Amino acid sequence: RGAEYQIDFIPKVKIELVIPVEMVDEVVAAVQKEACTGR
């Protein structure tokens, strides 16, 4: 409404997983690829 204001806290989503050690690299790479927008 014509007034400028500062948004300090930006909405995000937190995903929590507990996985076997063997899957960590694969899961991290997949999340990084899918969540990346480059911005």
PDB file of all heavy atoms in Angstrom:
ATOM      1  N   ARG A   1       0.815  -1.216   0.000  1.00  0.00           N
ATOM      2  CA  ARG A   1       0.000   0.000   0.000  1.00  0.00           C
ATOM      3  C   ARG A   1       0.849   1.266   0.000  1.00  0.00           C
ATOM      4  O   ARG A   1       0.602   2.202   0.766  1.00  0.00           O
ATOM      5  CB  ARG A   1      -0.965   0.005   1.173  1.00  0.00           C
ATOM      6  CG  ARG A   1      -2.023  -1.070   1.073  1.00  0.00           C
ATOM      7  CD  ARG A   1      -3.050  -0.928   2.143  1.00  0.00           C
ATOM      8  NE  ARG A   1      -4.065  -1.955   1.983  1.00  0.00           N
ATOM      9  CZ  ARG A   1      -5.137  -2.050   2.726  1.00  0.00           C
ATOM     10  NH1 ARG A   1      -5.341  -1.171   3.691  1.00  0.00           N
ATOM     11  NH2 ARG A   1      -6.007  -2.998   2.524  1.00  0.00           N
ATOM     12  N   GLY A   2       1.866   1.241  -0.807  1.00  0.00           N
ATOM     13  CA  GLY A   2       2.713   2.410  -0.967  1.00  0.00           C
ATOM     14  C   GLY A   2       3.791   2.575   0.088  1.00  0.00           C
ATOM     15  O   GLY A   2       4.639   3.444  -0.011  1.00  0.00           O
ATOM     16  N   ALA A   3       3.769   1.733   1.109  1.00  0.00           N
ATOM     17  CA  ALA A   3       4.781   1.820   2.164  1.00  0.00           C
ATOM     18  C   ALA A   3       5.802   0.701   1.982  1.00  0.00           C
ATOM     19  O   ALA A   3       5.436  -0.451   1.752  1.00  0.00           O
ATOM     20  CB  ALA A   3       4.138   1.728   3.541  1.00  0.00           C
ATOM     21  N   GLU A   4       7.056   1.048   2.084  1.00  0.00           N
ATOM     22  CA  GLU A   4       8.132   0.073   1.958  1.00  0.00           C
ATOM     23  C   GLU A   4       8.481  -0.451   3.345  1.00  0.00           C
ATOM     24  O   GLU A   4       8.562   0.317   4.300  1.00  0.00           O
ATOM     25  CB  GLU A   4       9.346   0.765   1.335  1.00  0.00           C
ATOM     26  CG  GLU A   4      10.368  -0.191   0.800  1.00  0.00           C
ATOM     27  CD  GLU A   4      11.462   0.533   0.036  1.00  0.00           C
ATOM     28  OE1 GLU A   4      11.275   0.826  -1.153  1.00  0.00           O
ATOM     29  OE2 GLU A   4      12.503   0.797   0.671  1.00  0.00           O
ATOM     30  N   TYR A   5       8.646  -1.765   3.473  1.00  0.00           N
ATOM     31  CA  TYR A   5       9.052  -2.335   4.755  1.00  0.00           C
ATOM     32  C   TYR A   5       9.997  -3.499   4.545  1.00  0.00           C
ATOM     33  O   TYR A   5      10.017  -4.132   3.497  1.00  0.00           O
ATOM     34  CB  TYR A   5       7.833  -2.730   5.600  1.00  0.00           C
ATOM     35  CG  TYR A   5       6.970  -3.815   5.002  1.00  0.00           C
ATOM     36  CD1 TYR A   5       7.102  -5.134   5.410  1.00  0.00           C
ATOM     37  CD2 TYR A   5       6.018  -3.519   4.031  1.00  0.00           C
ATOM     38  CE1 TYR A   5       6.311  -6.120   4.859  1.00  0.00           C
ATOM     39  CE2 TYR A   5       5.227  -4.497   3.483  1.00  0.00           C
ATOM     40  CZ  TYR A   5       5.371  -5.799   3.903  1.00  0.00           C
ATOM     41  OH  TYR A   5       4.595  -6.783   3.360  1.00  0.00           O
ATOM     42  N   GLN A   6      10.779  -3.777   5.559  1.00  0.00           N
ATOM     43  CA  GLN A   6      11.830  -4.784   5.512  1.00  0.00           C
ATOM     44  C   GLN A   6      11.303  -6.128   6.018  1.00  0.00           C
ATOM     45  O   GLN A   6      10.706  -6.198   7.086  1.00  0.00           O
ATOM     46  CB  GLN A   6      13.022  -4.337   6.379  1.00  0.00           C
ATOM     47  CG  GLN A   6      14.187  -5.285   6.390  1.00  0.00           C
ATOM     48  CD  GLN A   6      14.943  -5.324   5.075  1.00  0.00           C
ATOM     49  OE1 GLN A   6      14.877  -4.397   4.284  1.00  0.00           O
ATOM     50  NE2 GLN A   6      15.652  -6.409   4.840  1.00  0.00           N
ATOM     51  N   ILE A   7      11.517  -7.187   5.239  1.00  0.00           N
ATOM     52  CA  ILE A   7      11.212  -8.558   5.651  1.00  0.00           C
ATOM     53  C   ILE A   7      12.535  -9.178   6.078  1.00  0.00           C
ATOM     54  O   ILE A   7      13.407  -9.424   5.252  1.00  0.00           O
ATOM     55  CB  ILE A   7      10.609  -9.375   4.482  1.00  0.00           C
ATOM     56  CG1 ILE A   7       9.355  -8.723   3.949  1.00  0.00           C
ATOM     57  CG2 ILE A   7      10.366 -10.812   4.901  1.00  0.00           C
ATOM     58  CD1 ILE A   7       8.170  -8.768   4.865  1.00  0.00           C
ATOM     59  N   ASP A   8      12.705  -9.393   7.380  1.00  0.00           N
ATOM     60  CA  ASP A   8      13.961  -9.948   7.894  1.00  0.00           C
ATOM     61  C   ASP A   8      14.017 -11.471   7.786  1.00  0.00           C
ATOM     62  O   ASP A   8      15.048 -12.039   7.482  1.00  0.00           O
ATOM     63  CB  ASP A   8      14.169  -9.547   9.355  1.00  0.00           C
ATOM     64  CG  ASP A   8      14.451  -8.062   9.505  1.00  0.00           C
ATOM     65  OD1 ASP A   8      15.025  -7.470   8.581  1.00  0.00           O
ATOM     66  OD2 ASP A   8      14.094  -7.501  10.549  1.00  0.00           O
ATOM     67  N   PHE A   9      12.906 -12.119   8.080  1.00  0.00           N
ATOM     68  CA  PHE A   9      12.883 -13.579   8.081  1.00  0.00           C
ATOM     69  C   PHE A   9      12.094 -14.075   6.876  1.00  0.00           C
ATOM     70  O   PHE A   9      10.908 -13.802   6.746  1.00  0.00           O
ATOM     71  CB  PHE A   9      12.275 -14.107   9.381  1.00  0.00           C
ATOM     72  CG  PHE A   9      13.118 -13.801  10.577  1.00  0.00           C
ATOM     73  CD1 PHE A   9      12.797 -12.740  11.404  1.00  0.00           C
ATOM     74  CD2 PHE A   9      14.239 -14.553  10.862  1.00  0.00           C
ATOM     75  CE1 PHE A   9      13.579 -12.439  12.503  1.00  0.00           C
ATOM     76  CE2 PHE A   9      15.027 -14.262  11.957  1.00  0.00           C
ATOM     77  CZ  PHE A   9      14.698 -13.208  12.774  1.00  0.00           C
ATOM     78  N   ILE A  10      12.767 -14.813   6.022  1.00  0.00           N
ATOM     79  CA  ILE A  10      12.184 -15.295   4.779  1.00  0.00           C
ATOM     80  C   ILE A  10      11.626 -16.707   5.003  1.00  0.00           C
ATOM     81  O   ILE A  10      12.277 -17.545   5.627  1.00  0.00           O
ATOM     82  CB  ILE A  10      13.263 -15.299   3.671  1.00  0.00           C
ATOM     83  CG1 ILE A  10      13.726 -13.868   3.469  1.00  0.00           C
ATOM     84  CG2 ILE A  10      12.738 -15.911   2.390  1.00  0.00           C
ATOM     85  CD1 ILE A  10      14.922 -13.724   2.587  1.00  0.00           C
ATOM     86  N   PRO A  11      10.407 -16.983   4.502  1.00  0.00           N
ATOM     87  CA  PRO A  11       9.826 -18.320   4.664  1.00  0.00           C
ATOM     88  C   PRO A  11      10.665 -19.381   3.939  1.00  0.00           C
ATOM     89  O   PRO A  11      11.053 -19.196   2.790  1.00  0.00           O
ATOM     90  CB  PRO A  11       8.444 -18.200   4.027  1.00  0.00           C
ATOM     91  CG  PRO A  11       8.176 -16.748   3.893  1.00  0.00           C
ATOM     92  CD  PRO A  11       9.509 -16.068   3.820  1.00  0.00           C
ATOM     93  N   LYS A  12      10.923 -20.468   4.622  1.00  0.00           N
ATOM     94  CA  LYS A  12      11.664 -21.610   4.070  1.00  0.00           C
ATOM     95  C   LYS A  12      10.970 -22.888   4.517  1.00  0.00           C
ATOM     96  O   LYS A  12      10.065 -22.861   5.343  1.00  0.00           O
ATOM     97  CB  LYS A  12      13.108 -21.637   4.577  1.00  0.00           C
ATOM     98  CG  LYS A  12      13.935 -20.410   4.244  1.00  0.00           C
ATOM     99  CD  LYS A  12      14.352 -20.393   2.812  1.00  0.00           C
ATOM    100  CE  LYS A  12      15.252 -19.190   2.568  1.00  0.00           C
ATOM    101  NZ  LYS A  12      15.741 -19.161   1.214  1.00  0.00           N
ATOM    102  N   VAL A  13      11.429 -24.018   4.001  1.00  0.00           N
ATOM    103  CA  VAL A  13      10.958 -25.331   4.419  1.00  0.00           C
ATOM    104  C   VAL A  13      12.166 -26.120   4.900  1.00  0.00           C
ATOM    105  O   VAL A  13      13.221 -26.087   4.263  1.00  0.00           O
ATOM    106  CB  VAL A  13      10.256 -26.063   3.252  1.00  0.00           C
ATOM    107  CG1 VAL A  13       9.958 -27.498   3.609  1.00  0.00           C
ATOM    108  CG2 VAL A  13       8.988 -25.345   2.861  1.00  0.00           C
ATOM    109  N   LYS A  14      12.011 -26.813   6.031  1.00  0.00           N
ATOM    110  CA  LYS A  14      13.088 -27.671   6.535  1.00  0.00           C
ATOM    111  C   LYS A  14      12.647 -29.126   6.416  1.00  0.00           C
ATOM    112  O   LYS A  14      11.595 -29.503   6.923  1.00  0.00           O
ATOM    113  CB  LYS A  14      13.431 -27.337   7.984  1.00  0.00           C
ATOM    114  CG  LYS A  14      14.528 -28.251   8.548  1.00  0.00           C
ATOM    115  CD  LYS A  14      15.145 -27.736   9.820  1.00  0.00           C
ATOM    116  CE  LYS A  14      14.287 -27.943  11.006  1.00  0.00           C
ATOM    117  NZ  LYS A  14      15.000 -27.710  12.275  1.00  0.00           N
ATOM    118  N   ILE A  15      13.468 -29.914   5.738  1.00  0.00           N
ATOM    119  CA  ILE A  15      13.231 -31.348   5.592  1.00  0.00           C
ATOM    120  C   ILE A  15      14.262 -32.066   6.453  1.00  0.00           C
ATOM    121  O   ILE A  15      15.453 -31.779   6.352  1.00  0.00           O
ATOM    122  CB  ILE A  15      13.387 -31.798   4.123  1.00  0.00           C
ATOM    123  CG1 ILE A  15      12.438 -31.021   3.223  1.00  0.00           C
ATOM    124  CG2 ILE A  15      13.153 -33.307   3.997  1.00  0.00           C
ATOM    125  CD1 ILE A  15      12.705 -31.227   1.753  1.00  0.00           C
ATOM    126  N   GLU A  16      13.801 -32.977   7.304  1.00  0.00           N
ATOM    127  CA  GLU A  16      14.698 -33.750   8.158  1.00  0.00           C
ATOM    128  C   GLU A  16      14.565 -35.234   7.806  1.00  0.00           C
ATOM    129  O   GLU A  16      13.458 -35.754   7.715  1.00  0.00           O
ATOM    130  CB  GLU A  16      14.351 -33.531   9.626  1.00  0.00           C
ATOM    131  CG  GLU A  16      14.532 -32.083  10.055  1.00  0.00           C
ATOM    132  CD  GLU A  16      14.050 -31.840  11.467  1.00  0.00           C
ATOM    133  OE1 GLU A  16      14.862 -31.995  12.402  1.00  0.00           O
ATOM    134  OE2 GLU A  16      12.863 -31.528  11.625  1.00  0.00           O
ATOM    135  N   LEU A  17      15.711 -35.881   7.608  1.00  0.00           N
ATOM    136  CA  LEU A  17      15.759 -37.305   7.272  1.00  0.00           C
ATOM    137  C   LEU A  17      16.798 -37.980   8.146  1.00  0.00           C
ATOM    138  O   LEU A  17      17.833 -37.393   8.426  1.00  0.00           O
ATOM    139  CB  LEU A  17      16.212 -37.510   5.822  1.00  0.00           C
ATOM    140  CG  LEU A  17      15.658 -36.647   4.721  1.00  0.00           C
ATOM    141  CD1 LEU A  17      16.568 -36.704   3.510  1.00  0.00           C
ATOM    142  CD2 LEU A  17      14.298 -37.148   4.360  1.00  0.00           C
ATOM    143  N   VAL A  18      16.545 -39.213   8.529  1.00  0.00           N
ATOM    144  CA  VAL A  18      17.586 -40.045   9.136  1.00  0.00           C
ATOM    145  C   VAL A  18      17.760 -41.227   8.198  1.00  0.00           C
ATOM    146  O   VAL A  18      16.800 -41.952   7.908  1.00  0.00           O
ATOM    147  CB  VAL A  18      17.209 -40.496  10.561  1.00  0.00           C
ATOM    148  CG1 VAL A  18      18.284 -41.417  11.126  1.00  0.00           C
ATOM    149  CG2 VAL A  18      17.020 -39.283  11.476  1.00  0.00           C
ATOM    150  N   ILE A  19      18.980 -41.376   7.687  1.00  0.00           N
ATOM    151  CA  ILE A  19      19.245 -42.368   6.647  1.00  0.00           C
ATOM    152  C   ILE A  19      20.516 -43.153   6.963  1.00  0.00           C
ATOM    153  O   ILE A  19      21.352 -42.700   7.743  1.00  0.00           O
ATOM    154  CB  ILE A  19      19.376 -41.689   5.263  1.00  0.00           C
ATOM    155  CG1 ILE A  19      20.496 -40.634   5.276  1.00  0.00           C
ATOM    156  CG2 ILE A  19      18.051 -41.075   4.838  1.00  0.00           C
ATOM    157  CD1 ILE A  19      20.768 -40.003   3.927  1.00  0.00           C
ATOM    158  N   PRO A  20      20.690 -44.311   6.317  1.00  0.00           N
ATOM    159  CA  PRO A  20      21.944 -45.054   6.478  1.00  0.00           C
ATOM    160  C   PRO A  20      23.118 -44.255   5.897  1.00  0.00           C
ATOM    161  O   PRO A  20      22.954 -43.505   4.934  1.00  0.00           O
ATOM    162  CB  PRO A  20      21.716 -46.330   5.666  1.00  0.00           C
ATOM    163  CG  PRO A  20      20.240 -46.452   5.504  1.00  0.00           C
ATOM    164  CD  PRO A  20      19.707 -45.051   5.523  1.00  0.00           C
ATOM    165  N   VAL A  21      24.286 -44.443   6.465  1.00  0.00           N
ATOM    166  CA  VAL A  21      25.484 -43.721   6.039  1.00  0.00           C
ATOM    167  C   VAL A  21      25.733 -43.891   4.538  1.00  0.00           C
ATOM    168  O   VAL A  21      26.135 -42.948   3.857  1.00  0.00           O
ATOM    169  CB  VAL A  21      26.715 -44.193   6.851  1.00  0.00           C
ATOM    170  CG1 VAL A  21      27.994 -43.595   6.316  1.00  0.00           C
ATOM    171  CG2 VAL A  21      26.549 -43.876   8.322  1.00  0.00           C
ATOM    172  N   GLU A  22      25.466 -45.086   4.009  1.00  0.00           N
ATOM    173  CA  GLU A  22      25.751 -45.377   2.608  1.00  0.00           C
ATOM    174  C   GLU A  22      24.945 -44.501   1.642  1.00  0.00           C
ATOM    175  O   GLU A  22      25.331 -44.333   0.494  1.00  0.00           O
ATOM    176  CB  GLU A  22      25.441 -46.847   2.277  1.00  0.00           C
ATOM    177  CG  GLU A  22      26.126 -47.860   3.144  1.00  0.00           C
ATOM    178  CD  GLU A  22      25.382 -48.087   4.473  1.00  0.00           C
ATOM    179  OE1 GLU A  22      24.143 -48.247   4.486  1.00  0.00           O
ATOM    180  OE2 GLU A  22      26.063 -48.097   5.503  1.00  0.00           O
ATOM    181  N   MET A  23      23.832 -43.960   2.092  1.00  0.00           N
ATOM    182  CA  MET A  23      22.958 -43.184   1.211  1.00  0.00           C
ATOM    183  C   MET A  23      23.232 -41.676   1.246  1.00  0.00           C
ATOM    184  O   MET A  23      22.673 -40.934   0.448  1.00  0.00           O
ATOM    185  CB  MET A  23      21.492 -43.405   1.583  1.00  0.00           C
ATOM    186  CG  MET A  23      20.992 -44.808   1.331  1.00  0.00           C
ATOM    187  SD  MET A  23      19.228 -44.944   1.651  1.00  0.00           S
ATOM    188  CE  MET A  23      18.563 -44.050   0.251  1.00  0.00           C
ATOM    189  N   VAL A  24      24.093 -41.236   2.152  1.00  0.00           N
ATOM    190  CA  VAL A  24      24.266 -39.796   2.376  1.00  0.00           C
ATOM    191  C   VAL A  24      24.692 -39.053   1.110  1.00  0.00           C
ATOM    192  O   VAL A  24      24.059 -38.056   0.735  1.00  0.00           O
ATOM    193  CB  VAL A  24      25.253 -39.528   3.535  1.00  0.00           C
ATOM    194  CG1 VAL A  24      25.605 -38.053   3.609  1.00  0.00           C
ATOM    195  CG2 VAL A  24      24.658 -39.990   4.848  1.00  0.00           C
ATOM    196  N   ASP A  25      25.726 -39.505   0.450  1.00  0.00           N
ATOM    197  CA  ASP A  25      26.223 -38.787  -0.726  1.00  0.00           C
ATOM    198  C   ASP A  25      25.168 -38.700  -1.824  1.00  0.00           C
ATOM    199  O   ASP A  25      24.981 -37.651  -2.448  1.00  0.00           O
ATOM    200  CB  ASP A  25      27.492 -39.449  -1.275  1.00  0.00           C
ATOM    201  CG  ASP A  25      28.674 -39.297  -0.331  1.00  0.00           C
ATOM    202  OD1 ASP A  25      28.653 -38.364   0.495  1.00  0.00           O
ATOM    203  OD2 ASP A  25      29.607 -40.117  -0.428  1.00  0.00           O
ATOM    204  N   GLU A  26      24.454 -39.793  -2.046  1.00  0.00           N
ATOM    205  CA  GLU A  26      23.421 -39.836  -3.078  1.00  0.00           C
ATOM    206  C   GLU A  26      22.255 -38.896  -2.740  1.00  0.00           C
ATOM    207  O   GLU A  26      21.772 -38.151  -3.595  1.00  0.00           O
ATOM    208  CB  GLU A  26      22.924 -41.277  -3.212  1.00  0.00           C
ATOM    209  CG  GLU A  26      21.959 -41.513  -4.330  1.00  0.00           C
ATOM    210  CD  GLU A  26      21.550 -42.980  -4.422  1.00  0.00           C
ATOM    211  OE1 GLU A  26      21.732 -43.750  -3.452  1.00  0.00           O
ATOM    212  OE2 GLU A  26      21.035 -43.349  -5.484  1.00  0.00           O
ATOM    213  N   VAL A  27      21.832 -38.908  -1.487  1.00  0.00           N
ATOM    214  CA  VAL A  27      20.724 -38.051  -1.048  1.00  0.00           C
ATOM    215  C   VAL A  27      21.121 -36.575  -1.125  1.00  0.00           C
ATOM    216  O   VAL A  27      20.369 -35.741  -1.643  1.00  0.00           O
ATOM    217  CB  VAL A  27      20.265 -38.437   0.377  1.00  0.00           C
ATOM    218  CG1 VAL A  27      19.371 -37.371   0.975  1.00  0.00           C
ATOM    219  CG2 VAL A  27      19.562 -39.782   0.354  1.00  0.00           C
ATOM    220  N   VAL A  28      22.307 -36.239  -0.631  1.00  0.00           N
ATOM    221  CA  VAL A  28      22.763 -34.840  -0.650  1.00  0.00           C
ATOM    222  C   VAL A  28      22.864 -34.338  -2.088  1.00  0.00           C
ATOM    223  O   VAL A  28      22.410 -33.229  -2.401  1.00  0.00           O
ATOM    224  CB  VAL A  28      24.107 -34.695   0.100  1.00  0.00           C
ATOM    225  CG1 VAL A  28      24.741 -33.343  -0.178  1.00  0.00           C
ATOM    226  CG2 VAL A  28      23.895 -34.888   1.598  1.00  0.00           C
ATOM    227  N   ALA A  29      23.416 -35.136  -2.985  1.00  0.00           N
ATOM    228  CA  ALA A  29      23.545 -34.723  -4.386  1.00  0.00           C
ATOM    229  C   ALA A  29      22.174 -34.515  -5.024  1.00  0.00           C
ATOM    230  O   ALA A  29      21.963 -33.546  -5.772  1.00  0.00           O
ATOM    231  CB  ALA A  29      24.348 -35.761  -5.170  1.00  0.00           C
ATOM    232  N   ALA A  30      21.233 -35.404  -4.727  1.00  0.00           N
ATOM    233  CA  ALA A  30      19.891 -35.296  -5.302  1.00  0.00           C
ATOM    234  C   ALA A  30      19.168 -34.049  -4.794  1.00  0.00           C
ATOM    235  O   ALA A  30      18.542 -33.321  -5.573  1.00  0.00           O
ATOM    236  CB  ALA A  30      19.084 -36.551  -4.978  1.00  0.00           C
ATOM    237  N   VAL A  31      19.251 -33.790  -3.496  1.00  0.00           N
ATOM    238  CA  VAL A  31      18.595 -32.603  -2.928  1.00  0.00           C
ATOM    239  C   VAL A  31      19.227 -31.339  -3.494  1.00  0.00           C
ATOM    240  O   VAL A  31      18.528 -30.404  -3.887  1.00  0.00           O
ATOM    241  CB  VAL A  31      18.656 -32.609  -1.389  1.00  0.00           C
ATOM    242  CG1 VAL A  31      18.186 -31.272  -0.820  1.00  0.00           C
ATOM    243  CG2 VAL A  31      17.829 -33.751  -0.815  1.00  0.00           C
ATOM    244  N   GLN A  32      20.539 -31.309  -3.550  1.00  0.00           N
ATOM    245  CA  GLN A  32      21.232 -30.129  -4.069  1.00  0.00           C
ATOM    246  C   GLN A  32      20.806 -29.847  -5.513  1.00  0.00           C
ATOM    247  O   GLN A  32      20.524 -28.712  -5.879  1.00  0.00           O
ATOM    248  CB  GLN A  32      22.740 -30.311  -3.987  1.00  0.00           C
ATOM    249  CG  GLN A  32      23.506 -29.069  -4.391  1.00  0.00           C
ATOM    250  CD  GLN A  32      25.005 -29.216  -4.170  1.00  0.00           C
ATOM    251  OE1 GLN A  32      25.490 -30.277  -3.817  1.00  0.00           O
ATOM    252  NE2 GLN A  32      25.722 -28.139  -4.366  1.00  0.00           N
ATOM    253  N   LYS A  33      20.725 -30.888  -6.328  1.00  0.00           N
ATOM    254  CA  LYS A  33      20.342 -30.718  -7.730  1.00  0.00           C
ATOM    255  C   LYS A  33      18.906 -30.212  -7.854  1.00  0.00           C
ATOM    256  O   LYS A  33      18.625 -29.285  -8.614  1.00  0.00           O
ATOM    257  CB  LYS A  33      20.494 -32.041  -8.464  1.00  0.00           C
ATOM    258  CG  LYS A  33      20.136 -31.957  -9.931  1.00  0.00           C
ATOM    259  CD  LYS A  33      20.383 -33.287 -10.624  1.00  0.00           C
ATOM    260  CE  LYS A  33      20.107 -33.141 -12.099  1.00  0.00           C
ATOM    261  NZ  LYS A  33      19.060 -33.980 -12.583  1.00  0.00           N
ATOM    262  N   GLU A  34      17.978 -30.807  -7.098  1.00  0.00           N
ATOM    263  CA  GLU A  34      16.562 -30.448  -7.219  1.00  0.00           C
ATOM    264  C   GLU A  34      16.226 -29.103  -6.590  1.00  0.00           C
ATOM    265  O   GLU A  34      15.340 -28.405  -7.066  1.00  0.00           O
ATOM    266  CB  GLU A  34      15.683 -31.527  -6.584  1.00  0.00           C
ATOM    267  CG  GLU A  34      15.590 -32.777  -7.390  1.00  0.00           C
ATOM    268  CD  GLU A  34      15.032 -32.569  -8.785  1.00  0.00           C
ATOM    269  OE1 GLU A  34      14.025 -31.833  -8.954  1.00  0.00           O
ATOM    270  OE2 GLU A  34      15.607 -33.135  -9.722  1.00  0.00           O
ATOM    271  N   ALA A  35      16.909 -28.732  -5.515  1.00  0.00           N
ATOM    272  CA  ALA A  35      16.569 -27.494  -4.806  1.00  0.00           C
ATOM    273  C   ALA A  35      17.249 -26.263  -5.396  1.00  0.00           C
ATOM    274  O   ALA A  35      16.880 -25.137  -5.068  1.00  0.00           O
ATOM    275  CB  ALA A  35      16.931 -27.628  -3.324  1.00  0.00           C
ATOM    276  N   CYS A  36      18.214 -26.467  -6.268  1.00  0.00           N
ATOM    277  CA  CYS A  36      18.996 -25.347  -6.801  1.00  0.00           C
ATOM    278  C   CYS A  36      18.229 -24.557  -7.853  1.00  0.00           C
ATOM    279  O   CYS A  36      17.714 -25.117  -8.815  1.00  0.00           O
ATOM    280  CB  CYS A  36      20.302 -25.871  -7.400  1.00  0.00           C
ATOM    281  SG  CYS A  36      21.357 -24.557  -8.034  1.00  0.00           S
ATOM    282  N   THR A  37      18.159 -23.237  -7.652  1.00  0.00           N
ATOM    283  CA  THR A  37      17.595 -22.337  -8.664  1.00  0.00           C
ATOM    284  C   THR A  37      18.698 -21.460  -9.247  1.00  0.00           C
ATOM    285  O   THR A  37      18.484 -20.786 -10.234  1.00  0.00           O
ATOM    286  CB  THR A  37      16.519 -21.419  -8.069  1.00  0.00           C
ATOM    287  OG1 THR A  37      17.122 -20.536  -7.116  1.00  0.00           O
ATOM    288  CG2 THR A  37      15.403 -22.214  -7.420  1.00  0.00           C
ATOM    289  N   GLY A  38      19.854 -21.451  -8.583  1.00  0.00           N
ATOM    290  CA  GLY A  38      20.950 -20.608  -9.019  1.00  0.00           C
ATOM    291  C   GLY A  38      20.881 -19.191  -8.483  1.00  0.00           C
ATOM    292  O   GLY A  38      21.703 -18.357  -8.821  1.00  0.00           O
ATOM    293  N   ARG A  39      19.887 -18.937  -7.641  1.00  0.00           N
ATOM    294  CA  ARG A  39      19.743 -17.603  -7.070  1.00  0.00           C
ATOM    295  C   ARG A  39      20.042 -17.637  -5.574  1.00  0.00           C
ATOM    296  O   ARG A  39      20.011 -18.691  -4.935  1.00  0.00           O
ATOM    297  CB  ARG A  39      18.320 -17.086  -7.298  1.00  0.00           C
ATOM    298  CG  ARG A  39      18.007 -16.894  -8.782  1.00  0.00           C
ATOM    299  CD  ARG A  39      16.669 -16.251  -8.969  1.00  0.00           C
ATOM    300  NE  ARG A  39      15.646 -16.963  -8.224  1.00  0.00           N
ATOM    301  CZ  ARG A  39      14.546 -17.455  -8.761  1.00  0.00           C
ATOM    302  NH1 ARG A  39      14.314 -17.319 -10.039  1.00  0.00           N
ATOM    303  NH2 ARG A  39      13.668 -18.089  -8.016  1.00  0.00           N
TER     304      ARG A  39
END
